[in-house]
PDB file of N, CA and C in Angstrom:
ATOM      1  N   MET A   1     306.243 108.902 238.355  1.00  0.00           N
ATOM      2  CA  MET A   1     305.081 107.621 237.656  1.00  0.00           C
ATOM      3  C   MET A   1     305.951 106.299 237.248  1.00  0.00           C
ATOM      4  N   SER A   2     305.622 105.400 238.053  1.00  0.00           N
ATOM      5  CA  SER A   2     305.973 104.733 238.133  1.00  0.00           C
ATOM      6  C   SER A   2     304.898 102.751 237.938  1.00  0.00           C
ATOM      7  N   ASN A   3     305.387 102.145 237.209  1.00  0.00           N
ATOM      8  CA  ASN A   3     304.542 100.698 236.357  1.00  0.00           C
ATOM      9  C   ASN A   3     304.218  99.975 237.931  1.00  0.00           C
ATOM     10  N   ASP A   4     306.048  99.790 238.741  1.00  0.00           N
ATOM     11  CA  ASP A   4     305.750  98.576 239.337  1.00  0.00           C
ATOM     12  C   ASP A   4     304.425  99.263 240.702  1.00  0.00           C
ATOM     13  N   PRO A   5     304.169  98.364 240.442  1.00  0.00           N
ATOM     14  CA  PRO A   5     303.308  98.059 242.384  1.00  0.00           C
ATOM     15  C   PRO A   5     303.573  98.283 243.638  1.00  0.00           C
ATOM     16  N   ALA A   6     304.756  98.322 243.331  1.00  0.00           N
ATOM     17  CA  ALA A   6     305.286  98.254 244.939  1.00  0.00           C
ATOM     18  C   ALA A   6     306.239  99.595 245.412  1.00  0.00           C
ATOM     19  N   ILE A   7     306.979 100.047 244.086  1.00  0.00           N
ATOM     20  CA  ILE A   7     307.306 101.354 243.771  1.00  0.00           C
ATOM     21  C   ILE A   7     306.121 102.273 244.727  1.00  0.00           C
ATOM     22  N   VAL A   8     304.854 102.429 243.420  1.00  0.00           N
ATOM     23  CA  VAL A   8     302.828 103.287 244.041  1.00  0.00           C
ATOM     24  C   VAL A   8     302.729 102.950 245.304  1.00  0.00           C
ATOM     25  N   ALA A   9     303.260 101.531 245.832  1.00  0.00           N
ATOM     26  CA  ALA A   9     302.568 101.754 247.398  1.00  0.00           C
ATOM     27  C   ALA A   9     303.239 102.164 248.035  1.00  0.00           C
ATOM     28  N   LYS A  10     305.001 102.489 248.046  1.00  0.00           N
ATOM     29  CA  LYS A  10     305.962 103.264 249.281  1.00  0.00           C
ATOM     30  C   LYS A  10     305.745 104.687 249.039  1.00  0.00           C
ATOM     31  N   ILE A  11     305.934 105.210 247.019  1.00  0.00           N
ATOM     32  CA  ILE A  11     304.777 106.640 246.800  1.00  0.00           C
ATOM     33  C   ILE A  11     304.237 106.912 247.854  1.00  0.00           C
ATOM     34  N   ARG A  12     302.858 106.150 247.954  1.00  0.00           N
ATOM     35  CA  ARG A  12     301.490 106.657 248.020  1.00  0.00           C
ATOM     36  C   ARG A  12     301.777 106.194 249.712  1.00  0.00           C
ATOM     37  N   GLU A  13     302.247 105.403 250.482  1.00  0.00           N
ATOM     38  CA  GLU A  13     302.689 105.049 251.865  1.00  0.00           C
ATOM     39  C   GLU A  13     303.501 106.516 252.320  1.00  0.00           C
ATOM     40  N   LEU A  14     304.644 107.024 251.473  1.00  0.00           N
ATOM     41  CA  LEU A  14     305.509 107.835 252.144  1.00  0.00           C
ATOM     42  C   LEU A  14     304.321 109.719 252.162  1.00  0.00           C
ATOM     43  N   ASN A  15     303.971 109.837 251.173  1.00  0.00           N
ATOM     44  CA  ASN A  15     302.408 110.548 250.481  1.00  0.00           C
ATOM     45  C   ASN A  15     301.672 111.075 251.905  1.00  0.00           C
ATOM     46  N   ASP A  16     301.371 109.679 252.165  1.00  0.00           N
ATOM     47  CA  ASP A  16     300.134 109.961 252.656  1.00  0.00           C
ATOM     48  C   ASP A  16     300.853 110.618 254.663  1.00  0.00           C
ATOM     49  N   GLN A  17     301.630 109.934 254.933  1.00  0.00           N
ATOM     50  CA  GLN A  17     302.744 109.883 256.043  1.00  0.00           C
ATOM     51  C   GLN A  17     302.920 111.629 255.882  1.00  0.00           C
ATOM     52  N   LEU A  18     303.544 112.120 254.413  1.00  0.00           N
ATOM     53  CA  LEU A  18     303.220 113.656 254.922  1.00  0.00           C
ATOM     54  C   LEU A  18     302.099 114.717 254.784  1.00  0.00           C
ATOM     55  N   ARG A  19     301.064 113.662 254.620  1.00  0.00           N
ATOM     56  CA  ARG A  19     299.127 114.326 255.172  1.00  0.00           C
ATOM     57  C   ARG A  19     298.651 114.122 256.143  1.00  0.00           C
ATOM     58  N   THR A  20     298.949 112.942 256.658  1.00  0.00           N
ATOM     59  CA  THR A  20     298.327 112.610 257.907  1.00  0.00           C
ATOM     60  C   THR A  20     299.261 113.186 258.973  1.00  0.00           C
ATOM     61  N   THR A  21     300.225 113.177 258.907  1.00  0.00           N
ATOM     62  CA  THR A  21     301.342 113.551 260.092  1.00  0.00           C
ATOM     63  C   THR A  21     301.722 114.286 260.458  1.00  0.00           C
ATOM     64  N   ALA A  22     302.227 114.717 258.914  1.00  0.00           N
ATOM     65  CA  ALA A  22     303.329 115.880 259.243  1.00  0.00           C
ATOM     66  C   ALA A  22     304.476 116.275 259.246  1.00  0.00           C
ATOM     67  N   THR A  23     304.741 114.401 258.493  1.00  0.00           N
ATOM     68  CA  THR A  23     306.218 114.158 258.465  1.00  0.00           C
ATOM     69  C   THR A  23     306.692 113.209 257.573  1.00  0.00           C
ATOM     70  N   GLY A  24     308.038 114.388 257.818  1.00  0.00           N
ATOM     71  CA  GLY A  24     308.589 112.993 256.414  1.00  0.00           C
ATOM     72  C   GLY A  24     308.425 114.394 254.809  1.00  0.00           C
ATOM     73  N   GLY A  25     308.692 115.398 255.090  1.00  0.00           N
ATOM     74  CA  GLY A  25     308.446 115.996 254.890  1.00  0.00           C
ATOM     75  C   GLY A  25     308.438 117.952 254.787  1.00  0.00           C
ATOM     76  N   LYS A  26     308.043 118.330 253.728  1.00  0.00           N
ATOM     77  CA  LYS A  26     306.881 119.732 254.301  1.00  0.00           C
ATOM     78  C   LYS A  26     306.456 120.414 253.882  1.00  0.00           C
ATOM     79  N   ILE A  27     305.140 120.878 254.202  1.00  0.00           N
ATOM     80  CA  ILE A  27     304.324 121.678 253.713  1.00  0.00           C
ATOM     81  C   ILE A  27     304.255 123.148 253.852  1.00  0.00           C
ATOM     82  N   VAL A  28     302.975 123.660 252.870  1.00  0.00           N
ATOM     83  CA  VAL A  28     303.874 125.349 252.156  1.00  0.00           C
ATOM     84  C   VAL A  28     302.155 125.618 252.357  1.00  0.00           C
ATOM     85  N   ILE A  29     302.097 126.568 252.019  1.00  0.00           N
ATOM     86  CA  ILE A  29     301.106 127.569 251.772  1.00  0.00           C
ATOM     87  C   ILE A  29     301.138 128.384 250.810  1.00  0.00           C
ATOM     88  N   VAL A  30     300.688 128.025 249.635  1.00  0.00           N
ATOM     89  CA  VAL A  30     301.378 129.621 248.622  1.00  0.00           C
ATOM     90  C   VAL A  30     300.113 130.420 248.238  1.00  0.00           C
ATOM     91  N   GLY A  31     300.179 130.804 247.574  1.00  0.00           N
ATOM     92  CA  GLY A  31     299.280 131.436 247.123  1.00  0.00           C
ATOM     93  C   GLY A  31     299.031 132.923 247.802  1.00  0.00           C
ATOM     94  N   ALA A  32     297.289 133.040 247.071  1.00  0.00           N
ATOM     95  CA  ALA A  32     296.607 133.931 248.430  1.00  0.00           C
ATOM     96  C   ALA A  32     296.923 133.293 248.958  1.00  0.00           C
ATOM     97  N   LEU A  33     296.276 132.287 249.606  1.00  0.00           N
ATOM     98  CA  LEU A  33     296.075 131.757 250.989  1.00  0.00           C
ATOM     99  C   LEU A  33     296.880 132.005 251.515  1.00  0.00           C
ATOM    100  N   SER A  34     298.101 131.853 251.777  1.00  0.00           N
ATOM    101  CA  SER A  34     299.206 132.550 252.704  1.00  0.00           C
ATOM    102  C   SER A  34     299.577 133.822 253.146  1.00  0.00           C
ATOM    103  N   GLY A  35     298.658 134.805 252.824  1.00  0.00           N
ATOM    104  CA  GLY A  35     298.541 136.240 253.425  1.00  0.00           C
ATOM    105  C   GLY A  35     297.026 135.923 254.572  1.00  0.00           C
ATOM    106  N   GLN A  36     296.728 135.420 254.431  1.00  0.00           N
ATOM    107  CA  GLN A  36     295.429 135.174 255.180  1.00  0.00           C
ATOM    108  C   GLN A  36     295.776 134.574 256.661  1.00  0.00           C
ATOM    109  N   PRO A  37     294.732 134.615 257.523  1.00  0.00           N
ATOM    110  CA  PRO A  37     295.433 134.658 258.864  1.00  0.00           C
ATOM    111  C   PRO A  37     295.314 133.012 258.461  1.00  0.00           C
ATOM    112  N   LEU A  38     296.273 132.910 259.873  1.00  0.00           N
ATOM    113  CA  LEU A  38     296.602 131.639 260.616  1.00  0.00           C
ATOM    114  C   LEU A  38     295.679 130.327 260.387  1.00  0.00           C
ATOM    115  N   SER A  39     294.786 130.883 261.078  1.00  0.00           N
ATOM    116  CA  SER A  39     292.696 130.325 261.277  1.00  0.00           C
ATOM    117  C   SER A  39     292.896 129.079 259.727  1.00  0.00           C
ATOM    118  N   GLU A  40     292.984 130.520 259.557  1.00  0.00           N
ATOM    119  CA  GLU A  40     291.803 129.184 257.397  1.00  0.00           C
ATOM    120  C   GLU A  40     293.048 128.490 257.670  1.00  0.00           C
ATOM    121  N   HIS A  41     294.317 128.626 257.433  1.00  0.00           N
ATOM    122  CA  HIS A  41     295.982 127.632 257.296  1.00  0.00           C
ATOM    123  C   HIS A  41     295.630 126.339 257.610  1.00  0.00           C
ATOM    124  N   ALA A  42     295.165 126.453 259.365  1.00  0.00           N
ATOM    125  CA  ALA A  42     295.014 125.079 260.308  1.00  0.00           C
ATOM    126  C   ALA A  42     294.011 124.349 259.711  1.00  0.00           C
ATOM    127  N   ALA A  43     293.034 125.878 259.267  1.00  0.00           N
ATOM    128  CA  ALA A  43     291.472 124.538 258.529  1.00  0.00           C
ATOM    129  C   ALA A  43     292.078 124.068 257.271  1.00  0.00           C
ATOM    130  N   ALA A  44     292.334 124.771 256.783  1.00  0.00           N
ATOM    131  CA  ALA A  44     292.820 124.127 255.556  1.00  0.00           C
ATOM    132  C   ALA A  44     293.278 122.304 255.667  1.00  0.00           C
ATOM    133  N   LEU A  45     295.241 123.049 256.255  1.00  0.00           N
ATOM    134  CA  LEU A  45     295.892 121.601 256.841  1.00  0.00           C
ATOM    135  C   LEU A  45     295.060 120.565 257.207  1.00  0.00           C
ATOM    136  N   SER A  46     293.688 121.192 257.847  1.00  0.00           N
ATOM    137  CA  SER A  46     293.234 120.131 258.929  1.00  0.00           C
ATOM    138  C   SER A  46     292.180 118.874 257.348  1.00  0.00           C
ATOM    139  N   HIS A  47     291.610 119.852 256.726  1.00  0.00           N
ATOM    140  CA  HIS A  47     291.172 119.296 255.764  1.00  0.00           C
ATOM    141  C   HIS A  47     291.980 118.070 255.016  1.00  0.00           C
ATOM    142  N   VAL A  48     293.144 118.541 254.214  1.00  0.00           N
ATOM    143  CA  VAL A  48     294.135 118.314 254.039  1.00  0.00           C
ATOM    144  C   VAL A  48     294.628 116.413 254.592  1.00  0.00           C
ATOM    145  N   ARG A  49     294.914 116.512 256.475  1.00  0.00           N
ATOM    146  CA  ARG A  49     294.894 115.499 257.105  1.00  0.00           C
ATOM    147  C   ARG A  49     293.890 114.244 256.751  1.00  0.00           C
ATOM    148  N   ARG A  50     292.913 115.047 256.743  1.00  0.00           N
ATOM    149  CA  ARG A  50     291.841 114.193 257.344  1.00  0.00           C
ATOM    150  C   ARG A  50     291.074 113.639 255.880  1.00  0.00           C
ATOM    151  N   PHE A  51     291.407 114.364 254.308  1.00  0.00           N
ATOM    152  CA  PHE A  51     291.489 113.461 252.630  1.00  0.00           C
ATOM    153  C   PHE A  51     291.375 112.415 252.816  1.00  0.00           C
ATOM    154  N   ASP A  52     290.180 111.503 252.106  1.00  0.00           N
ATOM    155  CA  ASP A  52     289.806 109.957 252.162  1.00  0.00           C
ATOM    156  C   ASP A  52     289.830 110.724 250.729  1.00  0.00           C
ATOM    157  N   LYS A  53     289.310 110.602 250.185  1.00  0.00           N
ATOM    158  CA  LYS A  53     288.324 110.594 248.098  1.00  0.00           C
ATOM    159  C   LYS A  53     289.122 111.014 247.075  1.00  0.00           C
ATOM    160  N   PHE A  54     289.988 109.988 247.730  1.00  0.00           N
ATOM    161  CA  PHE A  54     291.428 109.799 246.118  1.00  0.00           C
ATOM    162  C   PHE A  54     289.932 108.276 245.341  1.00  0.00           C
ATOM    163  N   ASP A  55     290.748 109.111 244.030  1.00  0.00           N
ATOM    164  CA  ASP A  55     289.379 108.514 243.023  1.00  0.00           C
ATOM    165  C   ASP A  55     290.571 108.214 241.746  1.00  0.00           C
ATOM    166  N   GLU A  56     290.015 108.191 240.120  1.00  0.00           N
ATOM    167  CA  GLU A  56     290.811 107.684 239.524  1.00  0.00           C
ATOM    168  C   GLU A  56     290.731 109.482 238.410  1.00  0.00           C
ATOM    169  N   GLY A  57     289.732 109.737 238.424  1.00  0.00           N
ATOM    170  CA  GLY A  57     290.009 111.721 238.336  1.00  0.00           C
ATOM    171  C   GLY A  57     291.107 112.258 239.084  1.00  0.00           C
ATOM    172  N   ASN A  58     291.687 112.222 240.440  1.00  0.00           N
ATOM    173  CA  ASN A  58     291.620 113.146 241.059  1.00  0.00           C
ATOM    174  C   ASN A  58     293.675 112.477 241.102  1.00  0.00           C
ATOM    175  N   ASP A  59     293.248 110.839 241.642  1.00  0.00           N
ATOM    176  CA  ASP A  59     294.594 109.605 241.476  1.00  0.00           C
ATOM    177  C   ASP A  59     295.007 109.202 241.235  1.00  0.00           C
ATOM    178  N   PRO A  60     295.628 109.087 239.844  1.00  0.00           N
ATOM    179  CA  PRO A  60     295.234 108.450 237.591  1.00  0.00           C
ATOM    180  C   PRO A  60     296.102 107.331 238.046  1.00  0.00           C
ATOM    181  N   TYR A  61     297.141 108.066 239.023  1.00  0.00           N
ATOM    182  CA  TYR A  61     298.494 106.774 238.865  1.00  0.00           C
ATOM    183  C   TYR A  61     298.811 106.359 240.905  1.00  0.00           C
ATOM    184  N   GLY A  62     297.384 106.477 241.149  1.00  0.00           N
ATOM    185  CA  GLY A  62     297.664 105.812 242.589  1.00  0.00           C
ATOM    186  C   GLY A  62     298.522 106.322 243.783  1.00  0.00           C
ATOM    187  N   GLU A  63     299.292 107.371 243.341  1.00  0.00           N
ATOM    188  CA  GLU A  63     300.357 108.171 244.785  1.00  0.00           C
ATOM    189  C   GLU A  63     299.948 108.634 245.471  1.00  0.00           C
ATOM    190  N   HIS A  64     298.242 109.274 245.806  1.00  0.00           N
ATOM    191  CA  HIS A  64     297.698 110.379 246.702  1.00  0.00           C
ATOM    192  C   HIS A  64     298.629 110.866 246.301  1.00  0.00           C
ATOM    193  N   ASP A  65     298.869 111.849 245.832  1.00  0.00           N
ATOM    194  CA  ASP A  65     300.369 113.166 246.039  1.00  0.00           C
ATOM    195  C   ASP A  65     298.541 114.291 244.962  1.00  0.00           C
ATOM    196  N   PHE A  66     297.223 114.027 244.920  1.00  0.00           N
ATOM    197  CA  PHE A  66     296.640 115.770 244.891  1.00  0.00           C
ATOM    198  C   PHE A  66     295.439 115.889 245.910  1.00  0.00           C
ATOM    199  N   GLY A  67     294.879 117.026 245.425  1.00  0.00           N
ATOM    200  CA  GLY A  67     293.733 116.631 246.697  1.00  0.00           C
ATOM    201  C   GLY A  67     292.621 117.699 246.106  1.00  0.00           C
ATOM    202  N   ALA A  68     291.203 117.858 246.200  1.00  0.00           N
ATOM    203  CA  ALA A  68     290.100 119.645 246.696  1.00  0.00           C
ATOM    204  C   ALA A  68     289.442 118.760 247.247  1.00  0.00           C
ATOM    205  N   PHE A  69     289.198 120.260 247.851  1.00  0.00           N
ATOM    206  CA  PHE A  69     287.906 119.773 249.142  1.00  0.00           C
ATOM    207  C   PHE A  69     287.359 121.221 249.016  1.00  0.00           C
ATOM    208  N   GLU A  70     286.238 121.924 249.720  1.00  0.00           N
ATOM    209  CA  GLU A  70     285.920 122.841 250.684  1.00  0.00           C
ATOM    210  C   GLU A  70     285.258 123.005 251.628  1.00  0.00           C
ATOM    211  N   ILE A  71     285.870 124.066 251.681  1.00  0.00           N
ATOM    212  CA  ILE A  71     285.530 124.880 253.041  1.00  0.00           C
ATOM    213  C   ILE A  71     284.635 126.852 253.266  1.00  0.00           C
ATOM    214  N   ASP A  72     283.674 126.034 253.621  1.00  0.00           N
ATOM    215  CA  ASP A  72     282.579 127.854 253.026  1.00  0.00           C
ATOM    216  C   ASP A  72     282.489 128.323 251.825  1.00  0.00           C
ATOM    217  N   GLY A  73     282.827 127.799 250.901  1.00  0.00           N
ATOM    218  CA  GLY A  73     282.605 127.780 249.717  1.00  0.00           C
ATOM    219  C   GLY A  73     283.840 128.131 249.119  1.00  0.00           C
ATOM    220  N   GLN A  74     284.881 128.113 248.986  1.00  0.00           N
ATOM    221  CA  GLN A  74     286.213 128.098 249.074  1.00  0.00           C
ATOM    222  C   GLN A  74     286.621 126.639 248.904  1.00  0.00           C
ATOM    223  N   ARG A  75     287.439 127.032 247.805  1.00  0.00           N
ATOM    224  CA  ARG A  75     287.709 125.126 247.137  1.00  0.00           C
ATOM    225  C   ARG A  75     289.772 125.372 247.330  1.00  0.00           C
ATOM    226  N   TYR A  76     290.525 124.866 247.874  1.00  0.00           N
ATOM    227  CA  TYR A  76     291.229 125.043 247.842  1.00  0.00           C
ATOM    228  C   TYR A  76     291.843 123.394 247.346  1.00  0.00           C
ATOM    229  N   HIS A  77     293.009 123.174 246.534  1.00  0.00           N
ATOM    230  CA  HIS A  77     294.147 122.696 246.433  1.00  0.00           C
ATOM    231  C   HIS A  77     295.008 121.959 247.400  1.00  0.00           C
ATOM    232  N   TRP A  78     295.631 120.826 246.663  1.00  0.00           N
ATOM    233  CA  TRP A  78     296.979 120.191 247.842  1.00  0.00           C
ATOM    234  C   TRP A  78     297.591 119.491 246.710  1.00  0.00           C
ATOM    235  N   LYS A  79     298.676 119.223 246.854  1.00  0.00           N
ATOM    236  CA  LYS A  79     299.702 118.396 245.838  1.00  0.00           C
ATOM    237  C   LYS A  79     300.657 118.435 246.217  1.00  0.00           C
ATOM    238  N   ILE A  80     301.867 117.185 246.776  1.00  0.00           N
ATOM    239  CA  ILE A  80     303.086 116.774 246.784  1.00  0.00           C
ATOM    240  C   ILE A  80     303.837 116.251 245.760  1.00  0.00           C
ATOM    241  N   ASP A  81     304.855 117.437 245.540  1.00  0.00           N
ATOM    242  CA  ASP A  81     306.056 117.872 244.666  1.00  0.00           C
ATOM    243  C   ASP A  81     307.174 116.810 245.161  1.00  0.00           C
ATOM    244  N   TYR A  82     307.781 116.056 244.545  1.00  0.00           N
ATOM    245  CA  TYR A  82     308.799 115.415 244.617  1.00  0.00           C
ATOM    246  C   TYR A  82     310.474 115.360 244.309  1.00  0.00           C
ATOM    247  N   PHE A  83     311.033 116.138 245.646  1.00  0.00           N
ATOM    248  CA  PHE A  83     312.672 117.031 244.694  1.00  0.00           C
ATOM    249  C   PHE A  83     313.499 116.134 245.152  1.00  0.00           C
ATOM    250  N   ALA A  84     314.624 116.742 244.483  1.00  0.00           N
ATOM    251  CA  ALA A  84     316.061 115.601 244.621  1.00  0.00           C
ATOM    252  C   ALA A  84     316.667 116.945 245.884  1.00  0.00           C
ATOM    253  N   LEU A  85     317.152 116.243 246.751  1.00  0.00           N
ATOM    254  CA  LEU A  85     317.887 116.722 248.197  1.00  0.00           C
ATOM    255  C   LEU A  85     318.028 118.241 248.181  1.00  0.00           C
ATOM    256  N   ASP A  86     318.762 118.576 246.324  1.00  0.00           N
ATOM    257  CA  ASP A  86     319.093 119.446 246.504  1.00  0.00           C
ATOM    258  C   ASP A  86     317.713 121.026 246.739  1.00  0.00           C
ATOM    259  N   GLU A  87     317.044 120.484 246.646  1.00  0.00           N
ATOM    260  CA  GLU A  87     315.194 120.530 246.217  1.00  0.00           C
ATOM    261  C   GLU A  87     315.265 121.877 244.751  1.00  0.00           C
ATOM    262  N   MET A  88     316.355 121.886 243.616  1.00  0.00           N
ATOM    263  CA  MET A  88     316.434 121.974 242.793  1.00  0.00           C
ATOM    264  C   MET A  88     315.824 121.576 241.137  1.00  0.00           C
ATOM    265  N   SER A  89     315.756 120.073 241.758  1.00  0.00           N
ATOM    266  CA  SER A  89     315.011 119.515 240.881  1.00  0.00           C
ATOM    267  C   SER A  89     314.350 118.600 241.076  1.00  0.00           C
ATOM    268  N   GLY A  90     314.206 117.311 240.102  1.00  0.00           N
ATOM    269  CA  GLY A  90     312.410 116.733 240.785  1.00  0.00           C
ATOM    270  C   GLY A  90     313.757 115.622 241.113  1.00  0.00           C
ATOM    271  N   SER A  91     313.275 115.064 241.791  1.00  0.00           N
ATOM    272  CA  SER A  91     313.539 113.508 242.167  1.00  0.00           C
ATOM    273  C   SER A  91     313.700 112.437 241.500  1.00  0.00           C
ATOM    274  N   GLU A  92     314.212 111.684 241.122  1.00  0.00           N
ATOM    275  CA  GLU A  92     314.344 110.346 240.015  1.00  0.00           C
ATOM    276  C   GLU A  92     313.576 109.160 240.579  1.00  0.00           C
ATOM    277  N   HIS A  93     313.801 108.738 242.111  1.00  0.00           N
ATOM    278  CA  HIS A  93     313.144 108.100 242.773  1.00  0.00           C
ATOM    279  C   HIS A  93     312.315 108.447 244.483  1.00  0.00           C
ATOM    280  N   PRO A  94     311.759 109.066 243.595  1.00  0.00           N
ATOM    281  CA  PRO A  94     310.340 109.292 245.023  1.00  0.00           C
ATOM    282  C   PRO A  94     309.912 108.332 245.927  1.00  0.00           C
ATOM    283  N   GLU A  95     310.670 107.408 245.671  1.00  0.00           N
ATOM    284  CA  GLU A  95     309.806 106.035 246.760  1.00  0.00           C
ATOM    285  C   GLU A  95     310.871 105.859 247.691  1.00  0.00           C
ATOM    286  N   ASP A  96     312.037 107.156 247.869  1.00  0.00           N
ATOM    287  CA  ASP A  96     313.407 106.315 248.311  1.00  0.00           C
ATOM    288  C   ASP A  96     313.707 108.057 249.175  1.00  0.00           C
ATOM    289  N   PRO A  97     312.603 107.806 250.509  1.00  0.00           N
ATOM    290  CA  PRO A  97     313.553 109.264 250.908  1.00  0.00           C
ATOM    291  C   PRO A  97     314.470 109.976 251.732  1.00  0.00           C
ATOM    292  N   ASN A  98     315.474 108.949 251.137  1.00  0.00           N
ATOM    293  CA  ASN A  98     317.337 109.021 251.106  1.00  0.00           C
ATOM    294  C   ASN A  98     317.332 110.272 250.062  1.00  0.00           C
ATOM    295  N   VAL A  99     316.812 110.437 248.833  1.00  0.00           N
ATOM    296  CA  VAL A  99     317.445 111.361 247.740  1.00  0.00           C
ATOM    297  C   VAL A  99     315.979 112.132 247.644  1.00  0.00           C
ATOM    298  N   THR A 100     314.689 112.193 248.310  1.00  0.00           N
ATOM    299  CA  THR A 100     313.753 112.773 247.867  1.00  0.00           C
ATOM    300  C   THR A 100     313.423 113.754 249.056  1.00  0.00           C
ATOM    301  N   VAL A 101     313.038 115.268 249.050  1.00  0.00           N
ATOM    302  CA  VAL A 101     312.250 116.370 250.194  1.00  0.00           C
ATOM    303  C   VAL A 101     310.912 116.063 248.902  1.00  0.00           C
ATOM    304  N   ARG A 102     309.769 115.903 249.980  1.00  0.00           N
ATOM    305  CA  ARG A 102     308.363 115.918 249.788  1.00  0.00           C
ATOM    306  C   ARG A 102     307.977 117.048 250.302  1.00  0.00           C
ATOM    307  N   VAL A 103     306.918 117.708 249.333  1.00  0.00           N
ATOM    308  CA  VAL A 103     306.426 119.209 249.326  1.00  0.00           C
ATOM    309  C   VAL A 103     305.781 118.903 249.385  1.00  0.00           C
ATOM    310  N   LEU A 104     304.230 119.422 250.340  1.00  0.00           N
ATOM    311  CA  LEU A 104     303.017 119.190 250.061  1.00  0.00           C
ATOM    312  C   LEU A 104     302.371 120.288 249.993  1.00  0.00           C
ATOM    313  N   SER A 105     302.207 121.318 248.587  1.00  0.00           N
ATOM    314  CA  SER A 105     301.672 122.874 249.184  1.00  0.00           C
ATOM    315  C   SER A 105     300.445 122.848 249.187  1.00  0.00           C
ATOM    316  N   ILE A 106     299.734 124.109 249.626  1.00  0.00           N
ATOM    317  CA  ILE A 106     297.821 123.561 249.473  1.00  0.00           C
ATOM    318  C   ILE A 106     297.409 125.234 249.013  1.00  0.00           C
ATOM    319  N   TYR A 107     297.020 125.598 248.843  1.00  0.00           N
ATOM    320  CA  TYR A 107     296.728 126.626 247.518  1.00  0.00           C
ATOM    321  C   TYR A 107     294.871 126.858 247.750  1.00  0.00           C
ATOM    322  N   TYR A 108     294.822 128.516 246.501  1.00  0.00           N
ATOM    323  CA  TYR A 108     293.445 128.216 246.347  1.00  0.00           C
ATOM    324  C   TYR A 108     293.276 127.306 245.549  1.00  0.00           C
ATOM    325  N   ALA A 109     292.170 126.746 244.966  1.00  0.00           N
ATOM    326  CA  ALA A 109     291.729 126.633 243.854  1.00  0.00           C
ATOM    327  C   ALA A 109     292.473 127.321 242.586  1.00  0.00           C
ATOM    328  N   GLU A 110     291.785 129.205 242.764  1.00  0.00           N
ATOM    329  CA  GLU A 110     291.856 129.768 241.760  1.00  0.00           C
ATOM    330  C   GLU A 110     293.195 130.235 241.735  1.00  0.00           C
ATOM    331  N   ASP A 111     294.105 129.646 242.783  1.00  0.00           N
ATOM    332  CA  ASP A 111     295.935 130.173 242.185  1.00  0.00           C
ATOM    333  C   ASP A 111     296.600 129.201 241.785  1.00  0.00           C
ATOM    334  N   GLN A 112     296.149 128.400 240.800  1.00  0.00           N
ATOM    335  CA  GLN A 112     296.520 126.742 240.561  1.00  0.00           C
ATOM    336  C   GLN A 112     297.306 127.600 238.920  1.00  0.00           C
TER     337      GLN A 112
END
């Protein structure tokens, strides 16, 4: 988390790029959702790509790195984590795509 508005804006831009276009990082389906049919994965990913309900409650730092939604009564979450290139530790500069691997995870809310 940064207090610098330019850094926050860059992180948000990169997160929105991954979320909406599936470029600039990896998208993974995790937890119990991973064992479900591909059609459910696709439906969840479609919701993530269209997600735009960012507010103080789910986006307190303005990075667009978390969201929650429902499909047919099932609650889902998604989040973006920032890793160093070795994917073993967190990135110290999530605003720099040259040193950061973004991973967007989609999962059932109860798997959190």
